[in-house]
Amino acid sequence: MPRTPSIDVNDPRWQAVLARDAAADDAFVYGVRTTGVYCRASSPSRLPRPENVEFFDTAAQAEAAGYRPSRHYAADPRQLAEQHATQVTRACQLIETAEVEPSLKQVAAHVGMSPYHFHRVFKAATGLTPKAYANARRAHKVRRQLEQPGSITDALYKAGYNSNSRFYEDSNARLGMTPAAYRAGGANASIRFAIAQCSLGALLVAQSERGVCAILLGDDPEALLHDLQDKFPKAELIGADAEFEQWVAKVVGFIEAPALGLDLPLDLRGTAFQERVWQALRSIPAGSTASYAEIAQRIGAPRAVRAVAQACAANSLAVAVPCHRVVRSDGNLSGYRWGVERKQALLAREQQPSDL
């Protein structure tokens, strides 16, 4: 945005600054060339000389011009959080709709931030780096294309990959298996699993080559096995060996004593949006809760409260991705894939003082 060489002292915006008019705070910000900061109209900071002032419609424009928020501006977390949520949402929209994956510099410029600052804000909001988000989004496109008729090569190109080799180098990280195996419903993929009992009922734990891919709770062990088979219809399901039993024991231990923590590699498989939600859930400390609306804010999609709830319901990794820590805005418990009583029990355990 071109800089105004000097302002008109009769400009209503300058008059609002002189009056420290809070009603104008949402209309513009002003930058001060001598200090390199930008402020709201109502800022209590010392008034600058008018020849050192330039106006911007938004804080994003001021940051794109090289200004940083003043101490008073940055002290208002609500305002800054709303601004960052808007910028992250715009960035996600660009990444999701671009034919060719944009660079970090391009996305940062699109939302009016420096690359370094944008990278930090995006990761804080979504739990993913911009690159990881782009990869997750493209993997989702691959899954959708592989579900359609046509060659695997066509599916990869339609999903945005410029060459087969580029995708095959990390296909396991993208799909958990080769594209051919994914299209075949997990054929030739091996999933190890075990069923155990814990105080919450039956428990099934399953592991792919990447890590734990399912933690299911319920009353009927056979129903849990059917759930796993539906998720991987053509995969080879292998009963647990002694080594895998140790993983199951860790999950059981974590359910019974959350303070122990759960240090196991996870195989998260979902859409780009779902993975953003699941990463945000994993950032909720044990013993704490967050509302669906708060999670939507954290991932930069404040209006996607219903979609956040749907992502929680789609979670196949009970306790490891703690959707039980998400509650209604009034603090009351809402639905839980494995039953509200189990949700209540998990929260009660996490809120008990630890003896460790």
Protein backbone atom coordinates (compact mmCIF):
# COMPACT_ATOMS: atom_id res chain seq x y z
CA MET A 1 0.00 0.00 0.00
CA PRO A 2 1.54 3.39 -0.93
CA ARG A 3 2.47 5.55 2.01
CA THR A 4 0.86 8.96 2.46
CA PRO A 5 3.67 11.54 2.54
CA SER A 6 1.76 13.69 5.01
CA ILE A 7 -1.75 13.76 6.42
CA ASP A 8 -4.39 16.43 6.32
CA VAL A 9 -4.85 17.66 9.87
CA ASN A 10 -8.54 18.06 9.03
CA ASP A 11 -8.80 14.35 8.14
CA PRO A 12 -11.56 12.84 10.35
CA ARG A 13 -9.20 9.99 11.21
CA TRP A 14 -6.62 12.41 12.63
CA GLN A 15 -9.36 14.15 14.57
CA ALA A 16 -10.37 10.75 15.98
CA VAL A 17 -6.76 10.16 17.05
CA LEU A 18 -6.60 13.56 18.75
CA ALA A 19 -9.86 12.75 20.55
CA ARG A 20 -8.70 9.18 21.33
CA ASP A 21 -12.09 8.10 20.00
CA ALA A 22 -12.66 4.41 20.79
CA ALA A 23 -15.59 4.35 18.36
CA ALA A 24 -13.05 4.62 15.53
CA ASP A 25 -10.90 1.69 16.69
CA ASP A 26 -12.46 -0.74 14.22
CA ALA A 27 -12.29 1.72 11.30
CA PHE A 28 -8.52 2.15 10.93
CA VAL A 29 -5.10 2.05 12.57
CA TYR A 30 -2.31 4.57 12.29
CA GLY A 31 1.41 3.97 11.93
CA VAL A 32 4.09 6.16 13.42
CA ARG A 33 7.18 6.33 11.21
CA THR A 34 9.56 7.40 13.98
CA THR A 35 8.77 4.43 16.23
CA GLY A 36 7.76 1.81 13.65
CA VAL A 37 4.58 0.84 15.54
CA TYR A 38 0.89 1.10 14.73
CA CYS A 39 -1.92 2.00 17.11
CA ARG A 40 -5.68 2.28 17.38
CA ALA A 41 -7.40 5.66 17.43
CA SER A 42 -8.00 5.39 21.20
CA SER A 43 -4.41 4.49 22.06
CA PRO A 44 -3.25 6.20 25.27
CA SER A 45 0.27 6.49 23.84
CA ARG A 46 1.85 9.89 23.43
CA LEU A 47 0.42 11.61 20.37
CA PRO A 48 2.79 11.68 17.39
CA ARG A 49 3.43 14.62 15.11
CA PRO A 50 1.03 14.50 12.15
CA GLU A 51 3.86 14.48 9.61
CA ASN A 52 5.03 11.16 11.09
CA VAL A 53 1.63 9.48 10.78
CA GLU A 54 0.09 7.34 8.06
CA PHE A 55 -3.27 5.58 8.10
CA PHE A 56 -4.21 2.00 7.22
CA ASP A 57 -7.60 0.38 6.92
CA THR A 58 -6.46 -2.72 8.82
CA ALA A 59 -3.70 -3.91 11.10
CA ALA A 60 -2.72 -6.43 8.41
CA GLN A 61 -1.98 -3.57 5.99
CA ALA A 62 0.13 -1.85 8.64
CA GLU A 63 2.12 -5.04 9.26
CA ALA A 64 2.59 -5.51 5.50
CA ALA A 65 4.07 -2.01 5.40
CA GLY A 66 6.62 -2.99 8.06
CA TYR A 67 4.95 -1.76 11.25
CA ARG A 68 4.58 -3.81 14.40
CA PRO A 69 1.72 -3.51 16.94
CA SER A 70 2.27 -1.03 19.74
CA ARG A 71 2.50 -2.27 23.29
CA HIS A 72 -1.05 -1.12 23.98
CA TYR A 73 -2.39 -2.72 20.79
CA ALA A 74 -0.70 -6.05 21.53
CA ALA A 75 -2.03 -5.94 25.10
CA ASP A 76 -5.57 -6.54 23.81
CA PRO A 77 -5.54 -10.31 23.18
CA ARG A 78 -9.13 -10.39 21.96
CA GLN A 79 -8.49 -7.93 19.16
CA LEU A 80 -5.27 -9.60 18.13
CA ALA A 81 -6.79 -13.09 18.27
CA GLU A 82 -9.67 -12.02 16.02
CA GLN A 83 -7.25 -10.48 13.55
CA HIS A 84 -5.05 -13.59 13.48
CA ALA A 85 -8.09 -15.87 13.13
CA THR A 86 -9.19 -13.93 10.07
CA GLN A 87 -5.71 -14.06 8.55
CA VAL A 88 -5.33 -17.80 9.19
CA THR A 89 -8.73 -18.47 7.64
CA ARG A 90 -7.76 -16.53 4.52
CA ALA A 91 -4.47 -18.45 4.35
CA CYS A 92 -6.25 -21.80 4.62
CA GLN A 93 -8.64 -20.81 1.85
CA LEU A 94 -5.71 -19.89 -0.41
CA ILE A 95 -3.89 -23.17 0.29
CA GLU A 96 -7.04 -25.23 -0.27
CA THR A 97 -8.04 -23.60 -3.56
CA ALA A 98 -4.62 -23.10 -5.18
CA GLU A 99 -3.87 -25.29 -8.21
CA VAL A 100 -0.17 -25.23 -7.32
CA GLU A 101 0.95 -25.24 -3.69
CA PRO A 102 1.88 -21.62 -2.82
CA SER A 103 5.13 -20.86 -1.04
CA LEU A 104 5.29 -19.63 2.54
CA LYS A 105 6.25 -16.19 1.24
CA GLN A 106 3.26 -16.09 -1.12
CA VAL A 107 0.75 -17.10 1.56
CA ALA A 108 2.22 -14.64 4.09
CA ALA A 109 2.01 -11.81 1.54
CA HIS A 110 -1.59 -12.77 0.76
CA VAL A 111 -2.61 -12.13 4.39
CA GLY A 112 -0.32 -9.14 4.88
CA MET A 113 2.28 -10.62 7.24
CA SER A 114 5.97 -11.35 7.17
CA PRO A 115 6.80 -15.04 6.49
CA TYR A 116 8.35 -15.60 9.93
CA HIS A 117 5.48 -13.97 11.82
CA PHE A 118 2.87 -15.74 9.71
CA HIS A 119 4.52 -19.14 10.24
CA ARG A 120 4.41 -18.63 14.02
CA VAL A 121 0.81 -17.37 14.06
CA PHE A 122 -0.45 -20.14 11.75
CA LYS A 123 1.11 -22.92 13.82
CA ALA A 124 -0.21 -21.44 17.07
CA ALA A 125 -3.73 -21.29 15.61
CA THR A 126 -3.90 -24.66 13.87
CA GLY A 127 -1.27 -26.85 15.52
CA LEU A 128 0.27 -27.39 12.07
CA THR A 129 2.88 -25.55 10.07
CA PRO A 130 1.64 -24.09 6.77
CA LYS A 131 3.60 -26.81 4.95
CA ALA A 132 2.06 -29.58 7.06
CA TYR A 133 -1.39 -28.14 6.48
CA ALA A 134 -0.80 -28.01 2.72
CA ASN A 135 0.43 -31.62 2.79
CA ALA A 136 -2.63 -32.75 4.76
CA ARG A 137 -4.94 -30.94 2.36
CA ARG A 138 -3.28 -32.47 -0.65
CA ALA A 139 -3.40 -35.94 0.92
CA HIS A 140 -7.13 -35.45 1.36
CA LYS A 141 -7.41 -34.59 -2.34
CA VAL A 142 -5.48 -37.76 -3.18
CA ARG A 143 -7.87 -39.88 -1.09
CA ARG A 144 -10.86 -38.37 -2.85
CA GLN A 145 -9.32 -38.89 -6.29
CA LEU A 146 -8.35 -42.49 -5.53
CA GLU A 147 -11.97 -43.21 -4.67
CA GLN A 148 -12.91 -42.26 -8.25
CA PRO A 149 -12.38 -44.40 -11.38
CA GLY A 150 -9.26 -43.75 -13.40
CA SER A 151 -5.55 -44.37 -13.18
CA ILE A 152 -3.54 -43.72 -10.04
CA THR A 153 -1.30 -41.37 -12.03
CA ASP A 154 -4.31 -39.25 -13.03
CA ALA A 155 -5.45 -39.15 -9.41
CA LEU A 156 -2.07 -37.88 -8.22
CA TYR A 157 -1.89 -35.17 -10.88
CA LYS A 158 -5.45 -34.04 -10.15
CA ALA A 159 -4.50 -33.75 -6.47
CA GLY A 160 -1.71 -31.33 -7.35
CA TYR A 161 1.39 -33.54 -7.55
CA ASN A 162 3.68 -32.74 -10.47
CA SER A 163 5.20 -36.22 -10.62
CA ASN A 164 4.54 -39.74 -9.39
CA SER A 165 7.95 -40.00 -7.75
CA ARG A 166 7.34 -36.93 -5.64
CA PHE A 167 4.27 -38.54 -4.12
CA TYR A 168 5.54 -42.12 -3.85
CA GLU A 169 8.56 -40.93 -1.86
CA ASP A 170 6.28 -40.31 1.11
CA SER A 171 3.04 -42.13 0.25
CA ASN A 172 3.06 -43.95 3.56
CA ALA A 173 3.19 -40.64 5.39
CA ARG A 174 0.29 -39.35 3.28
CA LEU A 175 -2.01 -42.39 3.20
CA GLY A 176 -0.49 -44.89 5.62
CA MET A 177 0.01 -47.27 2.65
CA THR A 178 0.68 -47.18 -1.08
CA PRO A 179 -1.94 -45.53 -3.34
CA ALA A 180 -2.81 -48.92 -4.86
CA ALA A 181 -3.37 -50.43 -1.43
CA TYR A 182 -5.49 -47.44 -0.38
CA ARG A 183 -7.67 -47.75 -3.49
CA ALA A 184 -8.06 -51.46 -2.70
CA GLY A 185 -9.37 -50.64 0.76
CA GLY A 186 -6.12 -51.36 2.55
CA ALA A 187 -5.24 -54.51 0.66
CA ASN A 188 -1.72 -55.74 1.42
CA ALA A 189 -1.53 -53.41 4.42
CA SER A 190 -1.02 -54.99 7.82
CA ILE A 191 -2.83 -53.73 10.91
CA ARG A 192 -1.89 -55.22 14.26
CA PHE A 193 -4.57 -55.07 16.94
CA ALA A 194 -5.48 -56.28 20.40
CA ILE A 195 -8.61 -56.16 22.52
CA ALA A 196 -8.35 -55.64 26.25
CA GLN A 197 -10.49 -54.64 29.19
CA CYS A 198 -10.20 -51.47 31.25
CA SER A 199 -12.41 -49.76 33.81
CA LEU A 200 -14.32 -48.07 30.95
CA GLY A 201 -15.21 -51.37 29.30
CA ALA A 202 -13.79 -53.02 26.20
CA LEU A 203 -10.78 -51.44 24.50
CA LEU A 204 -9.34 -52.06 21.04
CA VAL A 205 -5.92 -50.71 20.04
CA ALA A 206 -4.66 -51.01 16.46
CA GLN A 207 -1.32 -50.11 14.90
CA SER A 208 -0.28 -49.49 11.30
CA GLU A 209 3.27 -49.09 10.03
CA ARG A 210 3.08 -45.41 11.01
CA GLY A 211 1.77 -45.77 14.54
CA VAL A 212 -1.43 -46.26 16.54
CA CYS A 213 -4.28 -45.85 14.04
CA ALA A 214 -7.25 -46.70 16.26
CA ILE A 215 -8.17 -46.65 19.94
CA LEU A 216 -11.80 -47.69 20.31
CA LEU A 217 -13.94 -47.96 23.44
CA GLY A 218 -17.22 -49.79 23.93
CA ASP A 219 -19.22 -52.47 25.66
CA ASP A 220 -18.92 -55.25 23.06
CA PRO A 221 -15.42 -56.38 21.96
CA GLU A 222 -16.86 -57.93 18.80
CA ALA A 223 -18.49 -54.63 17.81
CA LEU A 224 -15.12 -52.89 18.19
CA LEU A 225 -13.50 -55.43 15.87
CA HIS A 226 -16.26 -54.85 13.28
CA ASP A 227 -15.60 -51.10 13.57
CA LEU A 228 -11.91 -51.70 12.82
CA GLN A 229 -12.77 -53.94 9.86
CA ASP A 230 -15.06 -51.24 8.45
CA LYS A 231 -12.24 -48.71 8.73
CA PHE A 232 -9.73 -51.00 6.95
CA PRO A 233 -11.95 -53.34 4.92
CA LYS A 234 -9.21 -55.12 2.97
CA ALA A 235 -6.25 -54.78 5.30
CA GLU A 236 -4.69 -57.85 6.88
CA LEU A 237 -5.66 -57.73 10.55
CA ILE A 238 -3.09 -59.46 12.73
CA GLY A 239 -3.61 -60.44 16.35
CA ALA A 240 -1.23 -58.83 18.78
CA ASP A 241 2.15 -60.24 19.69
CA ALA A 242 3.97 -59.73 22.98
CA GLU A 243 5.65 -56.53 21.80
CA PHE A 244 2.36 -54.94 20.79
CA GLU A 245 0.77 -55.96 24.08
CA GLN A 246 3.13 -53.46 25.70
CA TRP A 247 1.57 -50.67 23.61
CA VAL A 248 -1.89 -51.78 24.71
CA ALA A 249 -0.73 -51.76 28.34
CA LYS A 250 0.41 -48.14 27.91
CA VAL A 251 -3.01 -47.15 26.62
CA VAL A 252 -4.76 -48.92 29.48
CA GLY A 253 -2.38 -47.29 31.95
CA PHE A 254 -3.08 -43.87 30.48
CA ILE A 255 -6.84 -44.38 30.76
CA GLU A 256 -6.57 -45.43 34.39
CA ALA A 257 -3.98 -42.78 35.35
CA PRO A 258 -3.92 -39.84 32.87
CA ALA A 259 -0.98 -38.24 34.66
CA LEU A 260 1.22 -41.00 33.20
CA GLY A 261 0.90 -39.49 29.73
CA LEU A 262 0.82 -41.41 26.46
CA ASP A 263 4.05 -41.43 24.49
CA LEU A 264 3.19 -43.45 21.38
CA PRO A 265 3.43 -42.55 17.68
CA LEU A 266 0.02 -41.82 16.17
CA ASP A 267 -1.29 -42.44 12.67
CA LEU A 268 -3.84 -39.64 12.19
CA ARG A 269 -5.99 -40.07 9.10
CA GLY A 270 -8.52 -37.42 8.27
CA THR A 271 -9.24 -34.40 6.13
CA ALA A 272 -7.06 -31.32 6.45
CA PHE A 273 -9.78 -29.69 8.57
CA GLN A 274 -10.16 -32.73 10.83
CA GLU A 275 -6.41 -32.90 11.41
CA ARG A 276 -6.38 -29.22 12.38
CA VAL A 277 -9.12 -29.92 14.92
CA TRP A 278 -7.37 -33.01 16.26
CA GLN A 279 -4.08 -31.15 16.68
CA ALA A 280 -5.92 -28.42 18.58
CA LEU A 281 -7.51 -31.05 20.84
CA ARG A 282 -4.09 -32.47 21.66
CA SER A 283 -3.01 -29.02 22.90
CA ILE A 284 -5.70 -29.00 25.62
CA PRO A 285 -3.91 -29.85 28.88
CA ALA A 286 -5.15 -32.80 30.93
CA GLY A 287 -7.57 -31.56 33.57
CA SER A 288 -8.76 -28.71 31.35
CA THR A 289 -11.59 -28.37 28.86
CA ALA A 290 -12.41 -26.17 25.87
CA SER A 291 -15.66 -25.43 24.09
CA TYR A 292 -16.34 -26.25 20.47
CA ALA A 293 -16.42 -22.51 19.78
CA GLU A 294 -12.99 -22.06 21.40
CA ILE A 295 -11.51 -24.84 19.25
CA ALA A 296 -13.02 -23.21 16.16
CA GLN A 297 -11.31 -19.95 17.15
CA ARG A 298 -7.97 -21.68 17.74
CA ILE A 299 -7.89 -23.19 14.26
CA GLY A 300 -8.80 -19.91 12.61
CA ALA A 301 -12.35 -20.91 11.66
CA PRO A 302 -14.58 -19.20 14.24
CA ARG A 303 -17.80 -19.97 12.37
CA ALA A 304 -17.08 -23.68 11.95
CA VAL A 305 -18.39 -24.79 15.35
CA ARG A 306 -20.62 -27.51 13.87
CA ALA A 307 -17.76 -28.79 11.71
CA VAL A 308 -15.53 -28.95 14.80
CA ALA A 309 -18.14 -31.10 16.54
CA GLN A 310 -18.27 -33.38 13.49
CA ALA A 311 -14.46 -33.70 13.49
CA CYS A 312 -14.59 -34.71 17.16
CA ALA A 313 -17.19 -37.36 16.33
CA ALA A 314 -14.97 -38.70 13.51
CA ASN A 315 -11.98 -39.18 15.83
CA SER A 316 -10.88 -42.85 15.97
CA LEU A 317 -8.15 -42.35 18.57
CA ALA A 318 -9.95 -42.14 21.91
CA VAL A 319 -7.94 -40.50 24.73
CA ALA A 320 -4.87 -40.03 22.49
CA VAL A 321 -6.78 -37.31 20.63
CA PRO A 322 -8.74 -36.08 23.66
CA CYS A 323 -12.12 -35.13 22.20
CA HIS A 324 -13.52 -35.86 25.66
CA ARG A 325 -12.04 -32.50 26.75
CA VAL A 326 -14.41 -30.56 24.49
CA VAL A 327 -17.61 -29.35 26.12
CA ARG A 328 -20.46 -26.99 25.34
CA SER A 329 -20.01 -23.24 25.78
CA ASP A 330 -22.00 -23.42 29.04
CA GLY A 331 -19.60 -26.06 30.38
CA ASN A 332 -22.06 -28.94 30.16
CA LEU A 333 -21.09 -32.23 28.58
CA SER A 334 -22.31 -32.98 25.07
CA GLY A 335 -22.27 -36.09 22.91
CA TYR A 336 -19.27 -38.40 22.86
CA ARG A 337 -18.63 -41.15 20.34
CA TRP A 338 -18.01 -43.66 23.13
CA GLY A 339 -20.74 -42.49 25.49
CA VAL A 340 -21.19 -39.44 27.72
CA GLU A 341 -20.66 -41.53 30.86
CA ARG A 342 -17.16 -42.47 29.67
CA LYS A 343 -16.49 -38.81 28.85
CA GLN A 344 -17.51 -37.81 32.36
CA ALA A 345 -15.33 -40.53 33.88
CA LEU A 346 -12.27 -39.48 31.86
CA LEU A 347 -12.66 -35.82 32.82
CA ALA A 348 -13.15 -36.71 36.49
CA ARG A 349 -9.89 -38.71 36.50
CA GLU A 350 -7.94 -35.94 34.82
CA GLN A 351 -9.18 -33.36 37.31
CA GLN A 352 -8.11 -35.41 40.32
CA PRO A 353 -4.82 -34.37 41.99
CA SER A 354 -1.93 -36.53 40.85
CA ASP A 355 0.11 -38.53 43.33
CA LEU A 356 3.00 -38.82 40.83
